[in-house]
Protein backbone atom coordinates (compact mmCIF):
# COMPACT_ATOMS: atom_id res chain seq x y z
CA MET A 1 3.96 -14.94 17.85
CA PRO A 2 5.73 -13.37 14.86
CA ILE A 3 5.55 -9.62 14.38
CA SER A 4 3.32 -8.52 11.49
CA LYS A 5 4.60 -6.81 8.36
CA ILE A 6 2.56 -3.74 9.34
CA ALA A 7 4.20 -3.59 12.76
CA LEU A 8 7.65 -4.01 11.19
CA LEU A 9 7.02 -1.19 8.70
CA GLU A 10 5.63 1.10 11.41
CA GLN A 11 8.64 0.41 13.62
CA GLU A 12 11.12 0.87 10.77
CA LYS A 13 9.58 4.11 9.48
CA GLY A 14 8.40 5.54 12.80
CA GLN A 15 4.95 6.22 11.33
CA SER A 16 1.52 4.61 11.25
CA ILE A 17 0.77 2.29 8.33
CA GLU A 18 -1.76 4.84 7.08
CA SER A 19 0.92 7.55 6.90
CA ILE A 20 3.36 5.15 5.28
CA LEU A 21 0.81 4.24 2.60
CA GLN A 22 -0.16 7.87 1.98
CA ASP A 23 3.49 8.83 1.49
CA ALA A 24 4.14 5.81 -0.73
CA PHE A 25 1.12 6.54 -2.93
CA ALA A 26 2.27 10.16 -3.31
CA ILE A 27 5.62 8.88 -4.59
CA TYR A 28 4.72 5.71 -6.50
CA GLY A 29 1.09 6.27 -7.50
CA THR A 30 -0.22 2.71 -7.89
CA GLN A 31 -0.85 -0.23 -5.60
CA SER A 32 1.57 -2.35 -7.60
CA GLU A 33 4.40 0.16 -7.32
CA VAL A 34 3.70 0.82 -3.63
CA ALA A 35 3.75 -2.93 -3.03
CA LYS A 36 7.13 -3.29 -4.75
CA ALA A 37 8.56 -0.43 -2.69
CA LEU A 38 7.29 -1.92 0.59
CA GLY A 39 8.19 -5.51 -0.24
CA VAL A 40 4.68 -6.94 -0.24
CA THR A 41 2.15 -8.01 -2.86
CA GLN A 42 -0.42 -5.75 -4.49
CA SER A 43 -3.18 -7.79 -2.88
CA THR A 44 -1.64 -7.08 0.54
CA ILE A 45 -1.77 -3.33 -0.16
CA SER A 46 -5.41 -3.68 -1.24
CA LEU A 47 -6.24 -5.60 1.94
CA TRP A 48 -4.51 -3.01 4.14
CA LEU A 49 -6.42 -0.19 2.42
CA VAL A 50 -9.76 -1.93 3.01
CA LYS A 51 -8.85 -2.59 6.66
CA LEU A 52 -8.03 1.11 7.04
CA GLY A 53 -11.48 2.03 5.69
CA TYR A 54 -10.52 3.10 2.18
CA GLU A 55 -12.68 2.20 -0.78
CA VAL A 56 -10.50 0.54 -3.39
CA LYS A 57 -11.58 1.28 -6.96
CA SER A 58 -10.21 0.07 -10.26
CA THR A 59 -9.88 2.20 -13.35
CA ILE A 60 -9.70 0.69 -16.80
CA VAL A 61 -8.27 2.87 -19.54
CA LYS A 62 -8.04 1.82 -23.18
CA LYS A 63 -4.58 2.24 -24.64
CA SER A 64 -4.31 4.57 -27.58
CA ALA A 65 -3.17 2.94 -30.80
């Protein structure tokens, strides 16, 4: 059975996926940027957050002209 991306990241970083995500969000700020940094899709980050018990919310902000 292939090793999961979560297990690979935890092994590589020596931290739990929750700690990895917390650190990545502190640096990169958004799911999209965290996903790029970790080599996964934004939807994967969203799924991991839900599995970890986080409530994922979206914010829509109108651009100023």
